[in-house]
Amino acid sequence: MLLALEKFHMLTLYVRTGCPFCEKVLEVGETLNVEFELKNIKDSEVAEELQERGGKIQTPYLVDHEHDTEMYESDDIIDYLHQRFSIPA
């Protein structure tokens, strides 16, 4: 079993209301005790920011400020979260 012991705060997650892929990432984040700064693309300024940052308006999109890592695709984000924040029990 893998456990995360601390809250981590260096991640931004671009989301869209009602996006099942975003929910999947948020659930894994909760399990790993990871907190995200959430940015919802329903706000047109946030959508434009995402377009400029990642090249397309697609959610979820993760930004790990501490490790200078950014990515789309929920499964890739989930794999990254497990690699980065899971601690062997």
PDB file of N, CA and C in Angstrom:
ATOM      1  N   MET A   1       0.842  -1.184   0.000  1.00  0.00           N
ATOM      2  CA  MET A   1       0.000   0.000   0.000  1.00  0.00           C
ATOM      3  C   MET A   1       0.888   1.248   0.000  1.00  0.00           C
ATOM      4  N   LEU A   2       0.488   2.272  -0.738  1.00  0.00           N
ATOM      5  CA  LEU A   2       1.259   3.500  -0.823  1.00  0.00           C
ATOM      6  C   LEU A   2       0.538   4.610  -0.088  1.00  0.00           C
ATOM      7  N   LEU A   3       1.312   5.405   0.638  1.00  0.00           N
ATOM      8  CA  LEU A   3       0.734   6.495   1.412  1.00  0.00           C
ATOM      9  C   LEU A   3       1.520   7.777   1.174  1.00  0.00           C
ATOM     10  N   ALA A   4       0.837   8.882   1.164  1.00  0.00           N
ATOM     11  CA  ALA A   4       1.497  10.187   1.143  1.00  0.00           C
ATOM     12  C   ALA A   4       1.346  10.788   2.535  1.00  0.00           C
ATOM     13  N   LEU A   5       2.424  11.327   3.081  1.00  0.00           N
ATOM     14  CA  LEU A   5       2.404  11.767   4.464  1.00  0.00           C
ATOM     15  C   LEU A   5       2.152  13.252   4.643  1.00  0.00           C
ATOM     16  N   GLU A   6       2.423  14.072   3.638  1.00  0.00           N
ATOM     17  CA  GLU A   6       2.286  15.511   3.786  1.00  0.00           C
ATOM     18  C   GLU A   6       1.402  16.062   2.679  1.00  0.00           C
ATOM     19  N   LYS A   7       0.916  17.272   2.888  1.00  0.00           N
ATOM     20  CA  LYS A   7       0.221  17.991   1.818  1.00  0.00           C
ATOM     21  C   LYS A   7       1.270  18.676   0.955  1.00  0.00           C
ATOM     22  N   PHE A   8       1.075  18.631  -0.355  1.00  0.00           N
ATOM     23  CA  PHE A   8       1.978  19.278  -1.288  1.00  0.00           C
ATOM     24  C   PHE A   8       1.206  20.385  -1.985  1.00  0.00           C
ATOM     25  N   HIS A   9       1.857  21.519  -2.271  1.00  0.00           N
ATOM     26  CA  HIS A   9       1.139  22.698  -2.749  1.00  0.00           C
ATOM     27  C   HIS A   9       1.724  23.335  -3.999  1.00  0.00           C
ATOM     28  N   MET A  10       2.553  22.678  -4.747  1.00  0.00           N
ATOM     29  CA  MET A  10       3.231  23.335  -5.836  1.00  0.00           C
ATOM     30  C   MET A  10       2.647  22.988  -7.205  1.00  0.00           C
ATOM     31  N   LEU A  11       1.417  22.544  -7.243  1.00  0.00           N
ATOM     32  CA  LEU A  11       0.802  22.095  -8.482  1.00  0.00           C
ATOM     33  C   LEU A  11      -0.395  22.958  -8.866  1.00  0.00           C
ATOM     34  N   THR A  12      -0.475  23.262 -10.153  1.00  0.00           N
ATOM     35  CA  THR A  12      -1.644  23.924 -10.703  1.00  0.00           C
ATOM     36  C   THR A  12      -2.321  22.932 -11.634  1.00  0.00           C
ATOM     37  N   LEU A  13      -3.638  22.820 -11.534  1.00  0.00           N
ATOM     38  CA  LEU A  13      -4.396  21.936 -12.409  1.00  0.00           C
ATOM     39  C   LEU A  13      -5.475  22.750 -13.106  1.00  0.00           C
ATOM     40  N   TYR A  14      -5.385  22.795 -14.430  1.00  0.00           N
ATOM     41  CA  TYR A  14      -6.420  23.428 -15.238  1.00  0.00           C
ATOM     42  C   TYR A  14      -7.525  22.405 -15.428  1.00  0.00           C
ATOM     43  N   VAL A  15      -8.754  22.817 -15.144  1.00  0.00           N
ATOM     44  CA  VAL A  15      -9.905  21.920 -15.193  1.00  0.00           C
ATOM     45  C   VAL A  15     -11.051  22.581 -15.944  1.00  0.00           C
ATOM     46  N   ARG A  16     -12.059  21.770 -16.235  1.00  0.00           N
ATOM     47  CA  ARG A  16     -13.303  22.262 -16.824  1.00  0.00           C
ATOM     48  C   ARG A  16     -14.437  21.648 -16.023  1.00  0.00           C
ATOM     49  N   THR A  17     -15.393  22.442 -15.628  1.00  0.00           N
ATOM     50  CA  THR A  17     -16.545  21.960 -14.874  1.00  0.00           C
ATOM     51  C   THR A  17     -17.200  20.804 -15.626  1.00  0.00           C
ATOM     52  N   GLY A  18     -17.436  19.706 -14.932  1.00  0.00           N
ATOM     53  CA  GLY A  18     -18.105  18.546 -15.514  1.00  0.00           C
ATOM     54  C   GLY A  18     -17.194  17.601 -16.272  1.00  0.00           C
ATOM     55  N   CYS A  19     -15.903  17.873 -16.305  1.00  0.00           N
ATOM     56  CA  CYS A  19     -14.947  17.031 -17.046  1.00  0.00           C
ATOM     57  C   CYS A  19     -14.633  15.771 -16.238  1.00  0.00           C
ATOM     58  N   PRO A  20     -15.020  14.580 -16.741  1.00  0.00           N
ATOM     59  CA  PRO A  20     -14.771  13.348 -15.989  1.00  0.00           C
ATOM     60  C   PRO A  20     -13.279  13.031 -15.855  1.00  0.00           C
ATOM     61  N   PHE A  21     -12.477  13.452 -16.803  1.00  0.00           N
ATOM     62  CA  PHE A  21     -11.040  13.210 -16.728  1.00  0.00           C
ATOM     63  C   PHE A  21     -10.398  14.068 -15.644  1.00  0.00           C
ATOM     64  N   CYS A  22     -10.911  15.277 -15.488  1.00  0.00           N
ATOM     65  CA  CYS A  22     -10.450  16.157 -14.408  1.00  0.00           C
ATOM     66  C   CYS A  22     -10.808  15.555 -13.053  1.00  0.00           C
ATOM     67  N   GLU A  23     -12.028  15.049 -12.940  1.00  0.00           N
ATOM     68  CA  GLU A  23     -12.469  14.435 -11.686  1.00  0.00           C
ATOM     69  C   GLU A  23     -11.590  13.251 -11.312  1.00  0.00           C
ATOM     70  N   LYS A  24     -11.201  12.471 -12.306  1.00  0.00           N
ATOM     71  CA  LYS A  24     -10.340  11.314 -12.076  1.00  0.00           C
ATOM     72  C   LYS A  24      -9.011  11.765 -11.468  1.00  0.00           C
ATOM     73  N   VAL A  25      -8.416  12.816 -12.025  1.00  0.00           N
ATOM     74  CA  VAL A  25      -7.153  13.344 -11.506  1.00  0.00           C
ATOM     75  C   VAL A  25      -7.349  13.903 -10.093  1.00  0.00           C
ATOM     76  N   LEU A  26      -8.437  14.625  -9.871  1.00  0.00           N
ATOM     77  CA  LEU A  26      -8.696  15.191  -8.546  1.00  0.00           C
ATOM     78  C   LEU A  26      -8.865  14.102  -7.492  1.00  0.00           C
ATOM     79  N   GLU A  27      -9.507  13.007  -7.850  1.00  0.00           N
ATOM     80  CA  GLU A  27      -9.683  11.894  -6.908  1.00  0.00           C
ATOM     81  C   GLU A  27      -8.337  11.290  -6.521  1.00  0.00           C
ATOM     82  N   VAL A  28      -7.460  11.105  -7.496  1.00  0.00           N
ATOM     83  CA  VAL A  28      -6.132  10.563  -7.202  1.00  0.00           C
ATOM     84  C   VAL A  28      -5.350  11.557  -6.344  1.00  0.00           C
ATOM     85  N   GLY A  29      -5.454  12.828  -6.649  1.00  0.00           N
ATOM     86  CA  GLY A  29      -4.797  13.845  -5.837  1.00  0.00           C
ATOM     87  C   GLY A  29      -5.257  13.797  -4.393  1.00  0.00           C
ATOM     88  N   GLU A  30      -6.546  13.618  -4.207  1.00  0.00           N
ATOM     89  CA  GLU A  30      -7.086  13.516  -2.848  1.00  0.00           C
ATOM     90  C   GLU A  30      -6.542  12.278  -2.147  1.00  0.00           C
ATOM     91  N   THR A  31      -6.494  11.159  -2.838  1.00  0.00           N
ATOM     92  CA  THR A  31      -5.963   9.922  -2.263  1.00  0.00           C
ATOM     93  C   THR A  31      -4.505  10.087  -1.840  1.00  0.00           C
ATOM     94  N   LEU A  32      -3.743  10.818  -2.649  1.00  0.00           N
ATOM     95  CA  LEU A  32      -2.322  11.023  -2.360  1.00  0.00           C
ATOM     96  C   LEU A  32      -2.070  12.230  -1.459  1.00  0.00           C
ATOM     97  N   ASN A  33      -3.153  12.897  -1.056  1.00  0.00           N
ATOM     98  CA  ASN A  33      -3.060  14.065  -0.180  1.00  0.00           C
ATOM     99  C   ASN A  33      -2.335  15.232  -0.856  1.00  0.00           C
ATOM    100  N   VAL A  34      -2.580  15.381  -2.156  1.00  0.00           N
ATOM    101  CA  VAL A  34      -1.978  16.446  -2.947  1.00  0.00           C
ATOM    102  C   VAL A  34      -3.023  17.540  -3.158  1.00  0.00           C
ATOM    103  N   GLU A  35      -2.635  18.764  -2.897  1.00  0.00           N
ATOM    104  CA  GLU A  35      -3.528  19.891  -3.145  1.00  0.00           C
ATOM    105  C   GLU A  35      -3.126  20.575  -4.437  1.00  0.00           C
ATOM    106  N   PHE A  36      -4.119  20.995  -5.185  1.00  0.00           N
ATOM    107  CA  PHE A  36      -3.899  21.699  -6.437  1.00  0.00           C
ATOM    108  C   PHE A  36      -4.412  23.127  -6.318  1.00  0.00           C
ATOM    109  N   GLU A  37      -3.753  24.028  -7.003  1.00  0.00           N
ATOM    110  CA  GLU A  37      -4.355  25.315  -7.296  1.00  0.00           C
ATOM    111  C   GLU A  37      -5.194  25.041  -8.538  1.00  0.00           C
ATOM    112  N   LEU A  38      -6.515  25.148  -8.419  1.00  0.00           N
ATOM    113  CA  LEU A  38      -7.398  24.840  -9.542  1.00  0.00           C
ATOM    114  C   LEU A  38      -7.680  26.094 -10.361  1.00  0.00           C
ATOM    115  N   LYS A  39      -7.597  25.938 -11.676  1.00  0.00           N
ATOM    116  CA  LYS A  39      -7.938  27.010 -12.600  1.00  0.00           C
ATOM    117  C   LYS A  39      -8.960  26.452 -13.572  1.00  0.00           C
ATOM    118  N   ASN A  40     -10.175  27.006 -13.537  1.00  0.00           N
ATOM    119  CA  ASN A  40     -11.270  26.506 -14.362  1.00  0.00           C
ATOM    120  C   ASN A  40     -11.344  27.293 -15.663  1.00  0.00           C
ATOM    121  N   ILE A  41     -11.320  26.568 -16.778  1.00  0.00           N
ATOM    122  CA  ILE A  41     -11.315  27.231 -18.084  1.00  0.00           C
ATOM    123  C   ILE A  41     -12.673  27.797 -18.470  1.00  0.00           C
ATOM    124  N   LYS A  42     -13.678  27.656 -17.602  1.00  0.00           N
ATOM    125  CA  LYS A  42     -14.943  28.344 -17.886  1.00  0.00           C
ATOM    126  C   LYS A  42     -14.724  29.859 -17.872  1.00  0.00           C
ATOM    127  N   ASP A  43     -13.683  30.286 -17.160  1.00  0.00           N
ATOM    128  CA  ASP A  43     -13.248  31.680 -17.173  1.00  0.00           C
ATOM    129  C   ASP A  43     -12.428  31.870 -18.454  1.00  0.00           C
ATOM    130  N   SER A  44     -12.868  32.755 -19.327  1.00  0.00           N
ATOM    131  CA  SER A  44     -12.218  32.921 -20.629  1.00  0.00           C
ATOM    132  C   SER A  44     -10.752  33.341 -20.499  1.00  0.00           C
ATOM    133  N   GLU A  45     -10.421  34.099 -19.462  1.00  0.00           N
ATOM    134  CA  GLU A  45      -9.017  34.479 -19.259  1.00  0.00           C
ATOM    135  C   GLU A  45      -8.161  33.260 -18.914  1.00  0.00           C
ATOM    136  N   VAL A  46      -8.716  32.347 -18.133  1.00  0.00           N
ATOM    137  CA  VAL A  46      -7.997  31.120 -17.785  1.00  0.00           C
ATOM    138  C   VAL A  46      -7.849  30.243 -19.026  1.00  0.00           C
ATOM    139  N   ALA A  47      -8.892  30.158 -19.839  1.00  0.00           N
ATOM    140  CA  ALA A  47      -8.813  29.383 -21.077  1.00  0.00           C
ATOM    141  C   ALA A  47      -7.728  29.938 -21.994  1.00  0.00           C
ATOM    142  N   GLU A  48      -7.650  31.247 -22.095  1.00  0.00           N
ATOM    143  CA  GLU A  48      -6.622  31.883 -22.918  1.00  0.00           C
ATOM    144  C   GLU A  48      -5.224  31.612 -22.343  1.00  0.00           C
ATOM    145  N   GLU A  49      -5.123  31.678 -21.025  1.00  0.00           N
ATOM    146  CA  GLU A  49      -3.847  31.377 -20.356  1.00  0.00           C
ATOM    147  C   GLU A  49      -3.400  29.951 -20.662  1.00  0.00           C
ATOM    148  N   LEU A  50      -4.344  29.003 -20.609  1.00  0.00           N
ATOM    149  CA  LEU A  50      -4.034  27.611 -20.907  1.00  0.00           C
ATOM    150  C   LEU A  50      -3.596  27.459 -22.365  1.00  0.00           C
ATOM    151  N   GLN A  51      -4.288  28.111 -23.268  1.00  0.00           N
ATOM    152  CA  GLN A  51      -3.933  28.070 -24.694  1.00  0.00           C
ATOM    153  C   GLN A  51      -2.494  28.551 -24.896  1.00  0.00           C
ATOM    154  N   GLU A  52      -2.156  29.639 -24.251  1.00  0.00           N
ATOM    155  CA  GLU A  52      -0.804  30.195 -24.381  1.00  0.00           C
ATOM    156  C   GLU A  52       0.236  29.282 -23.746  1.00  0.00           C
ATOM    157  N   ARG A  53      -0.117  28.684 -22.630  1.00  0.00           N
ATOM    158  CA  ARG A  53       0.829  27.865 -21.884  1.00  0.00           C
ATOM    159  C   ARG A  53       1.056  26.505 -22.536  1.00  0.00           C
ATOM    160  N   GLY A  54      -0.027  25.831 -22.910  1.00  0.00           N
ATOM    161  CA  GLY A  54       0.092  24.451 -23.388  1.00  0.00           C
ATOM    162  C   GLY A  54      -0.131  24.266 -24.878  1.00  0.00           C
ATOM    163  N   GLY A  55      -0.651  25.284 -25.545  1.00  0.00           N
ATOM    164  CA  GLY A  55      -0.848  25.190 -26.984  1.00  0.00           C
ATOM    165  C   GLY A  55      -2.237  24.776 -27.409  1.00  0.00           C
ATOM    166  N   LYS A  56      -3.062  24.357 -26.464  1.00  0.00           N
ATOM    167  CA  LYS A  56      -4.445  23.994 -26.784  1.00  0.00           C
ATOM    168  C   LYS A  56      -5.301  24.124 -25.536  1.00  0.00           C
ATOM    169  N   ILE A  57      -6.601  24.194 -25.759  1.00  0.00           N
ATOM    170  CA  ILE A  57      -7.538  24.285 -24.638  1.00  0.00           C
ATOM    171  C   ILE A  57      -8.093  22.889 -24.407  1.00  0.00           C
ATOM    172  N   GLN A  58      -7.414  22.161 -23.535  1.00  0.00           N
ATOM    173  CA  GLN A  58      -7.788  20.788 -23.210  1.00  0.00           C
ATOM    174  C   GLN A  58      -7.535  20.583 -21.728  1.00  0.00           C
ATOM    175  N   THR A  59      -8.452  19.916 -21.068  1.00  0.00           N
ATOM    176  CA  THR A  59      -8.280  19.632 -19.648  1.00  0.00           C
ATOM    177  C   THR A  59      -8.375  18.133 -19.419  1.00  0.00           C
ATOM    178  N   PRO A  60      -7.736  17.674 -18.343  1.00  0.00           N
ATOM    179  CA  PRO A  60      -6.927  18.408 -17.386  1.00  0.00           C
ATOM    180  C   PRO A  60      -5.540  18.730 -17.947  1.00  0.00           C
ATOM    181  N   TYR A  61      -4.922  19.733 -17.348  1.00  0.00           N
ATOM    182  CA  TYR A  61      -3.550  20.126 -17.680  1.00  0.00           C
ATOM    183  C   TYR A  61      -2.846  20.433 -16.372  1.00  0.00           C
ATOM    184  N   LEU A  62      -1.752  19.747 -16.133  1.00  0.00           N
ATOM    185  CA  LEU A  62      -1.012  19.870 -14.874  1.00  0.00           C
ATOM    186  C   LEU A  62       0.234  20.714 -15.065  1.00  0.00           C
ATOM    187  N   VAL A  63       0.497  21.578 -14.098  1.00  0.00           N
ATOM    188  CA  VAL A  63       1.752  22.336 -14.034  1.00  0.00           C
ATOM    189  C   VAL A  63       2.381  22.059 -12.676  1.00  0.00           C
ATOM    190  N   ASP A  64       3.567  21.452 -12.687  1.00  0.00           N
ATOM    191  CA  ASP A  64       4.342  21.226 -11.468  1.00  0.00           C
ATOM    192  C   ASP A  64       5.449  22.272 -11.468  1.00  0.00           C
ATOM    193  N   HIS A  65       5.242  23.325 -10.713  1.00  0.00           N
ATOM    194  CA  HIS A  65       6.157  24.460 -10.703  1.00  0.00           C
ATOM    195  C   HIS A  65       7.532  24.079 -10.159  1.00  0.00           C
ATOM    196  N   GLU A  66       7.554  23.237  -9.172  1.00  0.00           N
ATOM    197  CA  GLU A  66       8.816  22.861  -8.523  1.00  0.00           C
ATOM    198  C   GLU A  66       9.726  22.063  -9.452  1.00  0.00           C
ATOM    199  N   HIS A  67       9.132  21.233 -10.302  1.00  0.00           N
ATOM    200  CA  HIS A  67       9.924  20.366 -11.180  1.00  0.00           C
ATOM    201  C   HIS A  67       9.853  20.774 -12.643  1.00  0.00           C
ATOM    202  N   ASP A  68       9.328  21.958 -12.905  1.00  0.00           N
ATOM    203  CA  ASP A  68       9.273  22.493 -14.258  1.00  0.00           C
ATOM    204  C   ASP A  68       8.699  21.467 -15.243  1.00  0.00           C
ATOM    205  N   THR A  69       7.544  20.893 -14.853  1.00  0.00           N
ATOM    206  CA  THR A  69       6.893  19.851 -15.646  1.00  0.00           C
ATOM    207  C   THR A  69       5.462  20.267 -15.933  1.00  0.00           C
ATOM    208  N   GLU A  70       5.041  20.069 -17.183  1.00  0.00           N
ATOM    209  CA  GLU A  70       3.671  20.375 -17.583  1.00  0.00           C
ATOM    210  C   GLU A  70       3.174  19.256 -18.492  1.00  0.00           C
ATOM    211  N   MET A  71       1.890  18.907 -18.359  1.00  0.00           N
ATOM    212  CA  MET A  71       1.360  17.838 -19.207  1.00  0.00           C
ATOM    213  C   MET A  71      -0.157  17.842 -19.288  1.00  0.00           C
ATOM    214  N   TYR A  72      -0.639  17.328 -20.417  1.00  0.00           N
ATOM    215  CA  TYR A  72      -2.042  16.999 -20.642  1.00  0.00           C
ATOM    216  C   TYR A  72      -2.225  15.501 -20.382  1.00  0.00           C
ATOM    217  N   GLU A  73      -3.444  15.031 -20.544  1.00  0.00           N
ATOM    218  CA  GLU A  73      -3.836  13.614 -20.477  1.00  0.00           C
ATOM    219  C   GLU A  73      -3.921  13.112 -19.037  1.00  0.00           C
ATOM    220  N   SER A  74      -5.136  12.787 -18.631  1.00  0.00           N
ATOM    221  CA  SER A  74      -5.395  12.376 -17.253  1.00  0.00           C
ATOM    222  C   SER A  74      -4.560  11.173 -16.831  1.00  0.00           C
ATOM    223  N   ASP A  75      -4.433  10.164 -17.675  1.00  0.00           N
ATOM    224  CA  ASP A  75      -3.658   8.980 -17.281  1.00  0.00           C
ATOM    225  C   ASP A  75      -2.187   9.319 -17.087  1.00  0.00           C
ATOM    226  N   ASP A  76      -1.639  10.182 -17.931  1.00  0.00           N
ATOM    227  CA  ASP A  76      -0.246  10.615 -17.769  1.00  0.00           C
ATOM    228  C   ASP A  76      -0.084  11.414 -16.479  1.00  0.00           C
ATOM    229  N   ILE A  77      -1.045  12.280 -16.198  1.00  0.00           N
ATOM    230  CA  ILE A  77      -1.000  13.074 -14.963  1.00  0.00           C
ATOM    231  C   ILE A  77      -1.074  12.161 -13.746  1.00  0.00           C
ATOM    232  N   ILE A  78      -1.962  11.191 -13.775  1.00  0.00           N
ATOM    233  CA  ILE A  78      -2.113  10.251 -12.657  1.00  0.00           C
ATOM    234  C   ILE A  78      -0.826   9.458 -12.458  1.00  0.00           C
ATOM    235  N   ASP A  79      -0.228   8.965 -13.530  1.00  0.00           N
ATOM    236  CA  ASP A  79       1.046   8.244 -13.410  1.00  0.00           C
ATOM    237  C   ASP A  79       2.109   9.143 -12.783  1.00  0.00           C
ATOM    238  N   TYR A  80       2.153  10.377 -13.224  1.00  0.00           N
ATOM    239  CA  TYR A  80       3.129  11.339 -12.699  1.00  0.00           C
ATOM    240  C   TYR A  80       2.894  11.583 -11.202  1.00  0.00           C
ATOM    241  N   LEU A  81       1.647  11.766 -10.809  1.00  0.00           N
ATOM    242  CA  LEU A  81       1.339  11.994  -9.396  1.00  0.00           C
ATOM    243  C   LEU A  81       1.771  10.809  -8.537  1.00  0.00           C
ATOM    244  N   HIS A  82       1.516   9.600  -9.025  1.00  0.00           N
ATOM    245  CA  HIS A  82       1.933   8.411  -8.274  1.00  0.00           C
ATOM    246  C   HIS A  82       3.454   8.340  -8.165  1.00  0.00           C
ATOM    247  N   GLN A  83       4.161   8.633  -9.246  1.00  0.00           N
ATOM    248  CA  GLN A  83       5.630   8.594  -9.209  1.00  0.00           C
ATOM    249  C   GLN A  83       6.172   9.653  -8.258  1.00  0.00           C
ATOM    250  N   ARG A  84       5.541  10.793  -8.250  1.00  0.00           N
ATOM    251  CA  ARG A  84       6.058  11.950  -7.518  1.00  0.00           C
ATOM    252  C   ARG A  84       5.671  11.955  -6.034  1.00  0.00           C
ATOM    253  N   PHE A  85       4.488  11.441  -5.707  1.00  0.00           N
ATOM    254  CA  PHE A  85       3.963  11.637  -4.351  1.00  0.00           C
ATOM    255  C   PHE A  85       3.651  10.358  -3.568  1.00  0.00           C
ATOM    256  N   SER A  86       3.747   9.197  -4.184  1.00  0.00           N
ATOM    257  CA  SER A  86       3.497   7.969  -3.438  1.00  0.00           C
ATOM    258  C   SER A  86       4.730   7.597  -2.637  1.00  0.00           C
ATOM    259  N   ILE A  87       4.487   7.160  -1.422  1.00  0.00           N
ATOM    260  CA  ILE A  87       5.569   6.729  -0.547  1.00  0.00           C
ATOM    261  C   ILE A  87       5.305   5.280  -0.185  1.00  0.00           C
ATOM    262  N   PRO A  88       6.274   4.379  -0.435  1.00  0.00           N
ATOM    263  CA  PRO A  88       6.056   2.961  -0.097  1.00  0.00           C
ATOM    264  C   PRO A  88       5.723   2.801   1.393  1.00  0.00           C
ATOM    265  N   ALA A  89       4.736   1.964   1.664  1.00  0.00           N
ATOM    266  CA  ALA A  89       4.320   1.734   3.053  1.00  0.00           C
ATOM    267  C   ALA A  89       5.289   0.806   3.739  1.00  0.00           C
TER     268      ALA A  89
END
